[in-house]
Structure formats: C-alpha cells, structure tokens
Amino acid sequence: MHIKETDFLVIGSGIAGLTFANKVSQQGHVLIITKKRNIDSNTNYAQGGIAAVFGSDDSFESHIEDTVGAGEGLCDHAAVRTMVREGPGLITELYEMGCQFTTHRDDAGRQRFDLGKEGGHSKRRIVHAHDFTGREIERVLVETANRTSSIELIENGLVLDLIVKDNECLGTYYYDYEKQALVAALSRVTFLATGGCGQIYRFTTNPPIATGDGIAIAYRAGARIANMEFVQFHPTAVYDVSIEGRAFLVSEATRGEGGVLKTRDGKTFMEKYHPLGGLAPRDVVARACYAEMKRRGDEYCLLDLTHLQGSWVRSRFPVIYETLMKHGIDITKEAIPVVPVAHYLCGGIKTDIDAHSSIGRLFAAGEAACSGVHGANRLASNSLLEALVFASRASRAALTGVFTAPGVPNLEYDLGRSALPDYIDKVKETMHRCGGIVRNQKDLGWGIEQLAGLLKSLPVRLAPEDYRMRNMGQVGLLVLRSAIARRESRGLHCMEEFPLKNPALEKETIIDDECARLVRRG
C-alpha cells in the first residue's frame, strides 16, 4: 500500500470541492481526488444559474422566505440566513475572478448582472451565464486551481473508504487506476464534495459519476445522514434524449422567461395545481406533470417556447437550442417533449453551519451534504449557492481550527481480486419502481427487501470496480428506509397513503439503528 500525506484532502472536483481547495491552498498542500476528468461533475451541467439578492426590488428577507416556503417546514433557518446573506459577496468574488456572468448596463450606465427568474422565486435573482452557468463557474475554478502549485489533482482515483479513528477522520483509502495501486491518503482535514446520487435511478439528469459515493463512505464510517427521502425530480428533462448516460435537462429558467407546460393536445394544466402556475416550486410542477401523464396515458408533456421571439430564445438559451437542434427539435418552432426525472438530493451527510460533519476533521458541502437549507424541497438555483457558501465556510473553519497532522496510523485494507456480477441495473429498476415521484408503503417495503438482499450477498472484500455497486445499493437503501419512515406527504416525498403533512413530523429524518447496522454490515 502506498501512502500520501497532505494538509487538506478534497474528494470531488465540482464547485464545492474546487472552492474549498482554492481557498485553503495558500496555507498548505491540497490533494484533490476525482473519479474522472476534473470537469466531470454536476456543477458542469447546471444550466439555470445561481440565486442571490442583487436586484433593487429584492431583499434578503424575500429570498429567505422563498427558500423556507419551498422547503415545506424543514429548513434550518440559521443555515438559510447564512447562505442568503453570504451569497452575493461570493458571487461577486467569482465575477472578479473572471467568471463571465451575463450582464447589462442600467439607465445610469453601470454594469449589472442580468437577473433571471425561476419557479418559487418571488423576484428576479438568478445570476447566470446564458444557459451554461455551471460550466462557466467550473471553468474559472479549474483554471485557478491549475495555476496553484500547492494543489495536486489525482484523476481516475476511486475513493474506497474513510480512515477513521476515535471518531476522527485521518484521510481515505483510494484506488489509483493510473498506477493500479491502493493508496492511503492521510490529511489534517478531509473535505467531501462528491455530489449527488442520481444514477441510482433509471432516468436522471446526473452524469454517470453521480453514484452517491461520498454519502456511502461517510455512512459506513459512522457519520450522521439526514433527509435522504427528499429526492428532487426535475420536471423538464427532454423525453428520449440521453447524452453520455444522462437525460438532457431543459432549464427551469425557460419557464421563468415565459415557457408554458402543456399536455400533448396543447392544453395548459399548471393553473390547476398552483396559483403560480408553471413557476410553482419544483416539487409541485414535477407531480403535476406526473399526474397529467398518468391521467391521459401519455409518455411526456410539452414545454412550449414557440410564442417567444425566436432570435431571443436562441440568444438566451444557446446550449439548449443547439443541443436540441442536433436531435431534430427546433425549440423556436415546436414544443419540447419533456418528462420528470431524478435530479437532485436534498439530504446527505448532516453538517453544521461551518460544514462540519458528525466526525471530527471531516467536512462536507454541496449535494453530498445536508446543510439544512433545502428542507423537503430545494428552491431552484439554490444548489450552486449552497455549495459555494458552505465550502467557503468550511475553508475558514479548516484554516482557523487546530488540526494537527495525523501521523501514520496502523493501516490495513484488503481488496477483493475479481469483479462480481453486476447488479446496478437491478438497483436502478428498484429505485424507479419504489422511490419515484409518488410512493407507497407496499412498494417501499418490497424495494427495501430487494436492496438489503443485494447488499447481504456482497463479500466484505471487493474489487475496486465493485464499489460503485455497493455504494449505489447502500444509498438506494438509505433513500427507501428514510421514505418509509416518513409517514406523511411533504415536499418531494409524496405518499399515496398519507396525502397530508403531519405537524408532528416537522423534523429531519435520521436513519434508525437497524438500518445503520444493515448498511454498515453490507
């Protein structure tokens, strides 16, 4: 086994991981481990933008109210206030670093951000770079990291498990595919920023690397995990268009700019489900699309932009326009066939206001973490904001805390020698059937039995290529067990047997001890 020592260990290379790495790099060596290319993350595919208060008619209080309202009573108010108040300064910092957000000049000739509007927001507050905001943010953060000599990037590195002693994280074991070697990375501080778990579903907007690895390894190490039942389904993925293993997403910003949802016969329907119509919170829109498709027996709904000026649509949404033209859809002349698919996890590794997990020396931010800001449903474009704010807070805590070098503990880790039969498709089918937009106790119970059985069949020692199966199975089980424990319908969690919210359940969901033993044993 090889040993690498560093000051700051970062697992993941999206907006959270790169923000943390860049901010701590002036005070020590930073080792970033990423599964594939340094740009391959959910950040890179975020089209809509990043929400923050910049408009003259906007206020922190309004953004807080919109966030808490979307979260259906489960938001951590202190975390929401922190995110909303610290966001604008950090976005301005990105702009000053060279991030080319879309701007315009006001009546006085001053440069201002061009602010979009999305579902659940009462004001225009979406800072964007046309419809490729995430890619633009990632570009700037990657370029900054590449210029920094104290940052070392390991690509094609698969993190296997955390190294934890006396409830303190000392680093991680990972497999270096380039060198075909097992490595123990030891660090004063470990930062988990591995993103979400959308690939546990058959249809998702997430790239193939989004398999919930960070949540799985943190849970195996004993970290507290919360609110896994709240999986957000984006209502407008393009029907039957898949690009590199992910469904192609049409940004919610299209509805903010006037796009209209319709059934296949051309009739609007969102006015039946919410006073805000197509600009309702995302959970409402996804359920409405699901209900209309089920009622009519249709495979998809329609998102219509054809009433908007064609040249403006091409300018405002160039990536969406160009991508769909390649698939034979001219969005300026025909409606887009859309369907809800798995998109974002609102739960994850439970963290405090400075992104500490329940394990010492271990921080987490971004989609892998549950900071409390999203509650039962994420407000549109708060995801990049949350990652940016809490990664920055984690960097300050890591730099000001007393985290001595861990030394070299007794290291022992065994890998299996041969790959096992692949059951990933079975995980995906189970989650598609049991953990979707509308759930019921019977299917959840069946799904739990399926995934628990799969986990029990795995040996203790696995070949590196089998860890993805274990992680996906474990995270899927966490989602289903959390869902069956919440006997109500709230936000993203919709139960057939429990159509109403239960005031007694206005608290986060923590997995019970029985599930903890099962998952860790598996």
Protein backbone atom coordinates (compact mmCIF):
# COMPACT_ATOMS: atom_id res chain seq x y z
CA MET A 1 0.00 0.00 0.00
CA HIS A 2 1.28 3.44 -0.95
CA ILE A 3 0.94 6.37 1.49
CA LYS A 4 0.44 10.02 0.56
CA GLU A 5 0.39 12.81 3.12
CA THR A 6 -1.22 16.21 2.64
CA ASP A 7 -2.59 19.12 4.64
CA PHE A 8 -6.02 19.25 3.02
CA LEU A 9 -7.69 16.32 1.30
CA VAL A 10 -10.56 17.13 -1.09
CA ILE A 11 -12.72 14.36 -2.54
CA GLY A 12 -14.62 15.67 -5.56
CA SER A 13 -14.00 18.46 -8.05
CA GLY A 14 -17.25 20.38 -8.52
CA ILE A 15 -17.97 23.90 -7.25
CA ALA A 16 -17.77 22.86 -3.59
CA GLY A 17 -14.52 20.90 -3.85
CA LEU A 18 -12.72 23.45 -6.01
CA THR A 19 -13.90 26.42 -3.91
CA PHE A 20 -12.58 24.79 -0.76
CA ALA A 21 -9.32 23.76 -2.43
CA ASN A 22 -8.60 27.22 -3.85
CA LYS A 23 -9.31 28.95 -0.55
CA VAL A 24 -7.12 26.71 1.64
CA SER A 25 -4.28 26.33 -0.87
CA GLN A 26 -2.37 29.36 0.41
CA GLN A 27 -1.77 27.66 3.76
CA GLY A 28 -0.78 24.15 2.82
CA HIS A 29 -0.69 21.36 0.28
CA VAL A 30 -4.06 20.31 -1.16
CA LEU A 31 -4.73 16.90 -2.67
CA ILE A 32 -7.87 16.62 -4.82
CA ILE A 33 -9.11 13.15 -5.74
CA THR A 34 -11.69 12.90 -8.51
CA LYS A 35 -13.18 9.83 -10.18
CA LYS A 36 -12.78 11.03 -13.75
CA ARG A 37 -11.96 14.28 -15.51
CA ASN A 38 -11.65 17.38 -13.32
CA ILE A 39 -14.61 18.98 -15.14
CA ASP A 40 -16.92 15.96 -14.86
CA SER A 41 -19.38 16.98 -12.16
CA ASN A 42 -22.98 18.08 -11.68
CA THR A 43 -21.69 21.67 -11.46
CA ASN A 44 -20.68 21.48 -15.09
CA TYR A 45 -24.24 20.69 -16.19
CA ALA A 46 -26.05 23.37 -14.16
CA GLN A 47 -27.84 25.49 -16.77
CA GLY A 48 -30.09 27.87 -14.87
CA GLY A 49 -27.85 29.88 -12.60
CA ILE A 50 -27.08 30.79 -9.03
CA ALA A 51 -29.67 32.59 -6.89
CA ALA A 52 -28.71 35.68 -4.87
CA VAL A 53 -30.02 39.09 -3.93
CA PHE A 54 -28.79 41.75 -6.36
CA GLY A 55 -32.00 43.37 -7.63
CA SER A 56 -33.03 46.79 -6.34
CA ASP A 57 -36.52 45.42 -5.60
CA ASP A 58 -35.19 42.33 -3.80
CA SER A 59 -34.14 41.68 -0.20
CA PHE A 60 -32.51 39.03 1.98
CA GLU A 61 -35.81 38.57 3.76
CA SER A 62 -37.60 37.81 0.49
CA HIS A 63 -35.01 35.22 -0.59
CA ILE A 64 -35.15 33.62 2.87
CA GLU A 65 -38.94 33.49 2.75
CA ASP A 66 -38.94 31.88 -0.70
CA THR A 67 -36.36 29.27 0.36
CA VAL A 68 -38.18 28.37 3.57
CA GLY A 69 -41.51 28.25 1.76
CA ALA A 70 -40.19 25.80 -0.82
CA GLY A 71 -38.65 23.70 1.97
CA GLU A 72 -42.08 22.90 3.45
CA GLY A 73 -41.23 23.50 7.12
CA LEU A 74 -37.98 21.51 7.30
CA CYS A 75 -35.36 24.18 6.56
CA ASP A 76 -32.72 25.12 9.12
CA HIS A 77 -33.43 28.85 9.37
CA ALA A 78 -29.94 29.76 10.59
CA ALA A 79 -28.37 27.93 7.64
CA VAL A 80 -30.76 29.62 5.19
CA ARG A 81 -29.98 33.09 6.58
CA THR A 82 -26.26 32.39 6.36
CA MET A 83 -26.48 31.20 2.76
CA VAL A 84 -28.63 34.11 1.59
CA ARG A 85 -26.55 36.81 3.29
CA GLU A 86 -23.11 35.49 2.32
CA GLY A 87 -24.01 34.52 -1.25
CA PRO A 88 -23.82 37.88 -3.05
CA GLY A 89 -20.28 38.61 -1.88
CA LEU A 90 -19.03 35.20 -3.02
CA ILE A 91 -20.73 35.54 -6.42
CA THR A 92 -19.11 38.93 -6.84
CA GLU A 93 -15.80 37.26 -5.97
CA LEU A 94 -16.36 34.72 -8.77
CA TYR A 95 -17.12 37.55 -11.19
CA GLU A 96 -13.91 39.31 -10.21
CA MET A 97 -12.01 36.04 -10.76
CA GLY A 98 -13.16 36.13 -14.39
CA CYS A 99 -16.48 34.30 -14.37
CA GLN A 100 -18.37 35.74 -17.35
CA PHE A 101 -21.88 36.09 -15.99
CA THR A 102 -24.38 37.70 -18.35
CA THR A 103 -24.60 41.44 -17.65
CA HIS A 104 -26.21 44.61 -18.97
CA ARG A 105 -25.89 48.35 -18.38
CA ASP A 106 -28.56 50.10 -16.36
CA ASP A 107 -30.01 53.53 -17.12
CA ALA A 108 -27.05 55.16 -15.37
CA GLY A 109 -24.55 53.19 -17.47
CA ARG A 110 -23.48 50.89 -14.62
CA GLN A 111 -22.72 47.22 -15.29
CA ARG A 112 -25.32 44.97 -13.64
CA PHE A 113 -25.97 41.23 -13.57
CA ASP A 114 -28.77 40.16 -15.87
CA LEU A 115 -31.14 38.50 -13.39
CA GLY A 116 -33.43 35.65 -14.42
CA LYS A 117 -36.47 34.26 -12.65
CA GLU A 118 -37.29 30.65 -11.79
CA GLY A 119 -40.01 28.67 -10.04
CA GLY A 120 -40.66 29.51 -6.40
CA HIS A 121 -38.81 32.85 -6.54
CA SER A 122 -40.83 35.99 -5.97
CA LYS A 123 -38.17 38.21 -7.58
CA ARG A 124 -35.65 38.09 -10.38
CA ARG A 125 -32.48 36.94 -8.67
CA ILE A 126 -30.89 34.24 -10.85
CA VAL A 127 -27.35 35.25 -11.84
CA HIS A 128 -26.46 33.30 -14.96
CA ALA A 129 -24.08 32.89 -17.87
CA HIS A 130 -26.76 32.37 -20.54
CA ASP A 131 -27.72 28.68 -20.02
CA PHE A 132 -24.27 27.28 -19.19
CA THR A 133 -23.69 28.86 -15.77
CA GLY A 134 -22.26 25.78 -14.08
CA ARG A 135 -19.79 25.19 -16.89
CA GLU A 136 -18.59 28.80 -16.68
CA ILE A 137 -18.12 28.66 -12.89
CA GLU A 138 -16.30 25.34 -13.20
CA ARG A 139 -14.01 26.81 -15.89
CA VAL A 140 -12.88 29.64 -13.64
CA LEU A 141 -12.38 27.42 -10.59
CA VAL A 142 -10.44 24.80 -12.56
CA GLU A 143 -8.20 27.42 -14.15
CA THR A 144 -7.49 28.92 -10.73
CA ALA A 145 -6.62 25.51 -9.29
CA ASN A 146 -4.38 24.68 -12.24
CA ARG A 147 -2.38 27.86 -11.63
CA THR A 148 -1.84 26.99 -7.97
CA SER A 149 1.33 25.00 -7.32
CA SER A 150 0.17 23.75 -3.91
CA ILE A 151 -2.84 21.94 -5.42
CA GLU A 152 -2.31 18.39 -6.67
CA LEU A 153 -5.05 16.68 -8.67
CA ILE A 154 -5.45 12.90 -8.85
CA GLU A 155 -7.77 11.94 -11.71
CA ASN A 156 -9.26 8.47 -12.14
CA GLY A 157 -8.99 7.94 -8.41
CA LEU A 158 -11.72 5.87 -6.75
CA VAL A 159 -12.22 6.58 -3.04
CA LEU A 160 -12.94 3.32 -1.23
CA ASP A 161 -13.42 4.17 2.46
CA LEU A 162 -12.52 6.81 5.01
CA ILE A 163 -9.79 6.22 7.59
CA VAL A 164 -11.43 6.95 10.94
CA LYS A 165 -10.01 6.50 14.44
CA ASP A 166 -11.76 7.57 17.66
CA ASN A 167 -14.40 9.37 15.56
CA GLU A 168 -11.79 11.47 13.76
CA CYS A 169 -11.19 11.26 10.04
CA LEU A 170 -7.50 10.85 9.22
CA GLY A 171 -7.90 10.54 5.46
CA THR A 172 -9.07 7.95 2.96
CA TYR A 173 -8.14 4.81 1.11
CA TYR A 174 -8.40 5.17 -2.65
CA TYR A 175 -7.53 3.17 -5.73
CA ASP A 176 -5.34 4.89 -8.32
CA TYR A 177 -6.41 3.48 -11.68
CA GLU A 178 -3.49 5.14 -13.47
CA LYS A 179 -0.94 3.36 -11.26
CA GLN A 180 -3.13 0.32 -10.49
CA ALA A 181 -2.33 0.84 -6.82
CA LEU A 182 -4.07 1.06 -3.45
CA VAL A 183 -3.20 4.33 -1.69
CA ALA A 184 -3.80 5.67 1.81
CA ALA A 185 -4.11 9.48 1.72
CA LEU A 186 -3.53 10.99 5.19
CA SER A 187 -4.58 14.55 5.93
CA ARG A 188 -5.15 17.11 8.68
CA VAL A 189 -8.59 17.84 7.20
CA THR A 190 -10.81 15.88 4.79
CA PHE A 191 -13.47 17.62 2.71
CA LEU A 192 -16.17 15.55 0.99
CA ALA A 193 -17.68 17.13 -2.12
CA THR A 194 -18.67 14.10 -4.16
CA GLY A 195 -22.03 15.37 -5.41
CA GLY A 196 -25.32 13.53 -5.65
CA CYS A 197 -26.68 10.08 -6.38
CA GLY A 198 -28.97 10.49 -9.38
CA GLN A 199 -27.52 7.42 -11.10
CA ILE A 200 -29.29 5.13 -8.63
CA TYR A 201 -32.35 5.84 -10.79
CA ARG A 202 -33.04 4.55 -14.29
CA PHE A 203 -33.59 8.10 -15.63
CA THR A 204 -31.60 11.05 -14.31
CA THR A 205 -30.05 14.35 -15.35
CA ASN A 206 -26.88 13.41 -13.44
CA PRO A 207 -23.67 12.25 -15.16
CA PRO A 208 -22.51 8.63 -14.73
CA ILE A 209 -20.17 9.50 -11.85
CA ALA A 210 -23.08 10.63 -9.60
CA THR A 211 -23.42 7.37 -7.65
CA GLY A 212 -23.58 8.68 -4.09
CA ASP A 213 -20.05 7.57 -3.17
CA GLY A 214 -19.38 10.27 -0.57
CA ILE A 215 -22.63 9.60 1.28
CA ALA A 216 -21.98 5.85 1.27
CA ILE A 217 -18.42 6.06 2.58
CA ALA A 218 -19.38 8.63 5.23
CA TYR A 219 -22.25 6.44 6.41
CA ARG A 220 -20.04 3.36 6.57
CA ALA A 221 -17.65 5.39 8.73
CA GLY A 222 -20.46 6.31 11.14
CA ALA A 223 -21.34 9.83 10.01
CA ARG A 224 -24.83 11.13 10.62
CA ILE A 225 -27.01 11.10 7.48
CA ALA A 226 -30.29 13.04 7.18
CA ASN A 227 -33.32 13.57 4.91
CA MET A 228 -32.47 11.01 2.25
CA GLU A 229 -36.15 10.63 1.26
CA PHE A 230 -36.17 14.05 -0.38
CA VAL A 231 -35.07 13.33 -3.95
CA GLN A 232 -35.95 16.11 -6.35
CA PHE A 233 -37.28 15.18 -9.79
CA HIS A 234 -36.76 17.85 -12.41
CA PRO A 235 -39.99 18.24 -14.40
CA THR A 236 -38.46 19.10 -17.77
CA ALA A 237 -35.90 16.59 -18.98
CA VAL A 238 -36.24 16.00 -22.72
CA TYR A 239 -38.10 12.80 -23.48
CA ASP A 240 -35.95 10.10 -25.12
CA VAL A 241 -32.81 12.27 -25.37
CA SER A 242 -29.81 10.91 -23.47
CA ILE A 243 -26.31 12.35 -23.66
CA GLU A 244 -23.40 10.41 -22.18
CA GLY A 245 -25.58 8.49 -19.76
CA ARG A 246 -27.75 11.37 -18.54
CA ALA A 247 -31.10 12.77 -19.60
CA PHE A 248 -30.77 16.20 -21.19
CA LEU A 249 -32.26 18.90 -18.98
CA VAL A 250 -34.21 21.96 -20.09
CA SER A 251 -33.61 24.66 -17.50
CA GLU A 252 -36.39 25.94 -15.27
CA ALA A 253 -35.30 29.38 -16.49
CA THR A 254 -37.20 28.67 -19.72
CA ARG A 255 -40.45 28.80 -17.73
CA GLY A 256 -39.21 31.85 -15.87
CA GLU A 257 -38.87 33.58 -19.23
CA GLY A 258 -42.34 32.60 -20.44
CA GLY A 259 -42.22 28.92 -21.44
CA VAL A 260 -45.53 27.12 -20.91
CA LEU A 261 -46.22 23.50 -19.93
CA LYS A 262 -48.97 21.74 -21.88
CA THR A 263 -50.42 18.29 -22.38
CA ARG A 264 -49.84 16.62 -25.73
CA ASP A 265 -53.13 18.01 -27.07
CA GLY A 266 -51.88 21.56 -26.46
CA LYS A 267 -53.83 22.37 -23.28
CA THR A 268 -52.19 24.14 -20.34
CA PHE A 269 -52.57 22.50 -16.94
CA MET A 270 -50.34 24.07 -14.28
CA GLU A 271 -53.06 26.58 -13.33
CA LYS A 272 -55.00 23.62 -11.88
CA TYR A 273 -52.22 22.75 -9.45
CA HIS A 274 -50.80 26.01 -8.07
CA PRO A 275 -51.51 29.77 -8.12
CA LEU A 276 -48.06 30.38 -9.61
CA GLY A 277 -48.75 28.01 -12.50
CA GLY A 278 -45.54 26.95 -14.26
CA LEU A 279 -43.49 28.97 -11.76
CA ALA A 280 -44.62 26.87 -8.80
CA PRO A 281 -41.93 25.17 -6.69
CA ARG A 282 -40.28 22.29 -8.50
CA ASP A 283 -41.90 19.50 -6.46
CA VAL A 284 -45.36 20.77 -7.40
CA VAL A 285 -44.51 21.02 -11.10
CA ALA A 286 -43.00 17.53 -11.23
CA ARG A 287 -46.05 15.99 -9.53
CA ALA A 288 -48.38 17.91 -11.85
CA CYS A 289 -46.58 16.61 -14.94
CA TYR A 290 -46.66 13.09 -13.50
CA ALA A 291 -50.39 13.37 -12.75
CA GLU A 292 -51.26 14.65 -16.22
CA MET A 293 -49.19 11.97 -17.94
CA LYS A 294 -50.84 9.28 -15.82
CA ARG A 295 -54.36 10.70 -16.35
CA ARG A 296 -54.00 10.82 -20.12
CA GLY A 297 -51.76 7.78 -20.59
CA ASP A 298 -49.09 9.95 -22.22
CA GLU A 299 -45.35 9.31 -22.13
CA TYR A 300 -44.48 13.00 -21.89
CA CYS A 301 -45.78 16.57 -21.59
CA LEU A 302 -44.85 19.56 -23.74
CA LEU A 303 -42.83 22.66 -22.92
CA ASP A 304 -43.74 25.38 -25.40
CA LEU A 305 -41.46 28.34 -26.20
CA THR A 306 -42.74 28.94 -29.72
CA HIS A 307 -44.70 32.07 -28.74
CA LEU A 308 -41.44 33.78 -27.71
CA GLN A 309 -39.25 35.65 -30.19
CA GLY A 310 -37.02 33.10 -31.90
CA SER A 311 -33.86 35.20 -32.00
CA TRP A 312 -34.19 35.98 -28.29
CA VAL A 313 -34.68 32.28 -27.41
CA ARG A 314 -31.54 31.36 -29.38
CA SER A 315 -29.56 34.08 -27.60
CA ARG A 316 -30.86 33.37 -24.07
CA PHE A 317 -30.65 29.56 -24.28
CA PRO A 318 -27.89 28.79 -26.79
CA VAL A 319 -26.88 25.39 -25.37
CA ILE A 320 -30.46 24.13 -25.15
CA TYR A 321 -31.23 25.41 -28.64
CA GLU A 322 -28.12 23.96 -30.27
CA THR A 323 -28.31 20.63 -28.46
CA LEU A 324 -31.93 20.01 -29.35
CA MET A 325 -31.39 21.09 -32.95
CA LYS A 326 -28.90 18.21 -33.17
CA HIS A 327 -31.73 15.92 -32.06
CA GLY A 328 -34.16 17.30 -34.62
CA ILE A 329 -36.08 19.68 -32.33
CA ASP A 330 -36.22 23.39 -33.20
CA ILE A 331 -37.45 24.91 -29.93
CA THR A 332 -38.36 28.17 -31.68
CA LYS A 333 -40.84 26.32 -33.92
CA GLU A 334 -42.04 23.27 -32.00
CA ALA A 335 -42.80 22.35 -28.39
CA ILE A 336 -40.27 20.24 -26.47
CA PRO A 337 -41.38 16.79 -25.22
CA VAL A 338 -40.45 16.69 -21.52
CA VAL A 339 -40.72 14.25 -18.63
CA PRO A 340 -39.76 14.37 -14.90
CA VAL A 341 -36.52 12.53 -13.99
CA ALA A 342 -34.33 12.23 -10.88
CA HIS A 343 -32.26 15.36 -10.48
CA TYR A 344 -31.08 16.42 -7.01
CA LEU A 345 -30.75 15.00 -3.48
CA CYS A 346 -31.77 17.35 -0.67
CA GLY A 347 -30.45 15.02 2.05
CA GLY A 348 -26.97 13.67 2.68
CA ILE A 349 -24.18 13.96 5.23
CA LYS A 350 -25.55 16.05 8.09
CA THR A 351 -23.42 19.17 8.62
CA ASP A 352 -23.46 22.24 10.84
CA ILE A 353 -23.21 25.91 9.91
CA ASP A 354 -19.49 25.51 9.11
CA ALA A 355 -19.94 22.27 7.14
CA HIS A 356 -18.59 20.04 9.93
CA SER A 357 -19.93 16.51 9.82
CA SER A 358 -20.50 14.45 12.97
CA ILE A 359 -16.99 13.00 12.53
CA GLY A 360 -14.01 15.12 13.61
CA ARG A 361 -11.80 16.59 10.86
CA LEU A 362 -14.43 15.64 8.25
CA PHE A 363 -16.26 18.42 6.40
CA ALA A 364 -18.80 18.14 3.59
CA ALA A 365 -20.62 20.53 1.27
CA GLY A 366 -22.59 20.58 -1.95
CA GLU A 367 -25.07 17.89 -2.91
CA ALA A 368 -23.35 15.23 -0.78
CA ALA A 369 -24.18 17.26 2.35
CA CYS A 370 -27.37 18.06 4.20
CA SER A 371 -26.76 21.60 5.46
CA GLY A 372 -30.44 22.12 6.24
CA VAL A 373 -31.07 24.89 3.71
CA HIS A 374 -33.25 22.84 1.35
CA GLY A 375 -35.58 21.15 3.81
CA ALA A 376 -38.13 18.99 2.00
CA ASN A 377 -37.62 20.65 -1.40
CA ARG A 378 -34.83 22.73 -2.94
CA LEU A 379 -35.66 26.15 -4.30
CA ALA A 380 -34.40 26.50 -7.88
CA SER A 381 -30.79 27.71 -8.29
CA ASN A 382 -30.02 27.49 -4.57
CA SER A 383 -27.79 24.46 -5.15
CA LEU A 384 -24.73 26.24 -6.57
CA LEU A 385 -25.24 28.95 -3.94
CA GLU A 386 -25.31 26.44 -1.09
CA ALA A 387 -22.16 24.71 -2.35
CA LEU A 388 -20.31 28.00 -2.72
CA VAL A 389 -21.27 29.38 0.69
CA PHE A 390 -20.68 26.28 2.80
CA ALA A 391 -17.47 25.30 1.03
CA SER A 392 -16.21 28.79 1.83
CA ARG A 393 -17.28 28.46 5.46
CA ALA A 394 -15.60 25.05 5.65
CA SER A 395 -12.36 26.56 4.35
CA ARG A 396 -12.40 29.21 7.09
CA ALA A 397 -13.08 26.59 9.75
CA ALA A 398 -10.32 24.37 8.39
CA LEU A 399 -7.82 27.23 8.38
CA THR A 400 -8.67 28.56 11.84
CA GLY A 401 -9.15 25.22 13.62
CA VAL A 402 -6.34 23.31 15.30
CA PHE A 403 -5.92 20.26 13.07
CA THR A 404 -2.50 18.67 13.57
CA ALA A 405 -1.00 16.15 11.18
CA PRO A 406 -2.47 12.73 11.94
CA GLY A 407 0.82 10.86 11.74
CA VAL A 408 0.79 7.39 10.23
CA PRO A 409 -1.76 5.17 11.97
CA ASN A 410 -1.90 1.41 11.64
CA LEU A 411 -3.19 0.94 8.11
CA GLU A 412 -4.87 -2.23 6.98
CA TYR A 413 -7.15 -2.58 3.98
CA ASP A 414 -7.84 -5.55 1.76
CA LEU A 415 -9.29 -5.57 -1.73
CA GLY A 416 -11.01 -8.43 -3.49
CA ARG A 417 -9.41 -9.90 -6.57
CA SER A 418 -12.21 -10.41 -9.06
CA ALA A 419 -15.29 -8.47 -10.05
CA LEU A 420 -18.73 -9.73 -9.07
CA PRO A 421 -21.87 -9.99 -11.22
CA ASP A 422 -23.19 -6.51 -11.96
CA TYR A 423 -26.48 -5.67 -10.22
CA ILE A 424 -26.52 -1.93 -10.96
CA ASP A 425 -29.47 -2.31 -13.35
CA LYS A 426 -31.41 -4.02 -10.56
CA VAL A 427 -30.71 -1.09 -8.22
CA LYS A 428 -31.92 1.35 -10.87
CA GLU A 429 -35.09 -0.62 -11.60
CA THR A 430 -35.85 -0.97 -7.88
CA MET A 431 -35.48 2.77 -7.29
CA HIS A 432 -37.52 3.59 -10.40
CA ARG A 433 -40.38 1.42 -9.15
CA CYS A 434 -40.24 2.24 -5.44
CA GLY A 435 -38.55 5.59 -4.90
CA GLY A 436 -40.10 7.80 -7.55
CA ILE A 437 -42.32 10.89 -7.51
CA VAL A 438 -45.27 9.11 -5.83
CA ARG A 439 -44.57 6.32 -3.32
CA ASN A 440 -46.47 3.78 -1.23
CA GLN A 441 -45.69 1.62 1.77
CA LYS A 442 -46.02 -1.69 -0.10
CA ASP A 443 -43.53 -0.83 -2.85
CA LEU A 444 -41.11 0.77 -0.40
CA GLY A 445 -41.13 -2.40 1.72
CA TRP A 446 -40.51 -4.55 -1.37
CA GLY A 447 -37.68 -2.29 -2.52
CA ILE A 448 -36.01 -2.39 0.89
CA GLU A 449 -36.06 -6.20 0.82
CA GLN A 450 -34.53 -6.21 -2.68
CA LEU A 451 -31.65 -3.86 -1.89
CA ALA A 452 -30.98 -5.35 1.55
CA GLY A 453 -30.72 -8.77 -0.06
CA LEU A 454 -28.30 -7.50 -2.66
CA LEU A 455 -26.08 -5.91 -0.02
CA LYS A 456 -26.05 -9.06 2.11
CA SER A 457 -24.87 -11.06 -0.90
CA LEU A 458 -21.69 -8.99 -1.24
CA PRO A 459 -18.45 -10.20 0.34
CA VAL A 460 -16.58 -7.98 2.78
CA ARG A 461 -13.67 -7.58 0.38
CA LEU A 462 -14.48 -6.14 -3.04
CA ALA A 463 -12.54 -5.45 -6.21
CA PRO A 464 -12.38 -1.68 -6.95
CA GLU A 465 -14.88 -1.98 -9.80
CA ASP A 466 -17.46 -3.41 -7.36
CA TYR A 467 -17.50 -0.40 -5.02
CA ARG A 468 -19.88 1.50 -7.29
CA MET A 469 -22.41 -1.33 -6.90
CA ARG A 470 -22.09 -1.31 -3.12
CA ASN A 471 -22.35 2.47 -2.87
CA MET A 472 -25.38 2.67 -5.13
CA GLY A 473 -27.12 -0.15 -3.28
CA GLN A 474 -26.42 1.40 0.11
CA VAL A 475 -27.53 4.88 -0.88
CA GLY A 476 -30.66 3.48 -2.52
CA LEU A 477 -31.46 1.63 0.69
CA LEU A 478 -30.96 4.83 2.70
CA VAL A 479 -33.44 6.64 0.44
CA LEU A 480 -36.07 3.91 0.76
CA ARG A 481 -35.68 3.44 4.51
CA SER A 482 -35.92 7.20 5.05
CA ALA A 483 -39.03 7.30 2.86
CA ILE A 484 -40.84 4.51 4.66
CA ALA A 485 -40.07 6.18 8.00
CA ARG A 486 -41.74 9.47 7.00
CA ARG A 487 -45.43 8.67 7.27
CA GLU A 488 -46.71 11.83 5.60
CA SER A 489 -46.51 13.66 2.29
CA ARG A 490 -44.17 16.64 2.42
CA GLY A 491 -42.29 18.43 -0.33
CA LEU A 492 -40.51 15.95 -2.56
CA HIS A 493 -41.81 12.97 -0.58
CA CYS A 494 -45.33 12.10 -1.78
CA MET A 495 -47.08 9.09 -0.21
CA GLU A 496 -50.32 7.62 -1.54
CA GLU A 497 -51.45 6.59 1.96
CA PHE A 498 -50.55 9.90 3.63
CA PRO A 499 -51.70 12.81 1.44
CA LEU A 500 -51.33 15.50 4.14
CA LYS A 501 -48.42 16.94 6.07
CA ASN A 502 -48.15 15.87 9.71
CA PRO A 503 -47.06 18.70 12.06
CA ALA A 504 -45.57 16.12 14.40
CA LEU A 505 -43.04 15.18 11.70
CA GLU A 506 -41.59 18.63 11.09
CA LYS A 507 -38.06 17.43 11.74
CA GLU A 508 -35.21 15.90 9.78
CA THR A 509 -35.15 12.16 9.14
CA ILE A 510 -32.23 10.25 10.65
CA ILE A 511 -31.85 6.58 9.70
CA ASP A 512 -32.60 4.23 12.61
CA ASP A 513 -30.09 1.90 14.23
CA GLU A 514 -31.46 -1.17 12.46
CA CYS A 515 -30.73 0.34 9.05
CA ALA A 516 -27.33 1.53 10.24
CA ARG A 517 -26.32 -1.98 11.21
CA LEU A 518 -27.64 -3.41 7.95
CA VAL A 519 -25.89 -0.90 5.70
CA ARG A 520 -22.56 -1.00 7.54
CA ARG A 521 -22.60 -4.79 7.69
CA GLY A 522 -23.45 -4.93 3.97
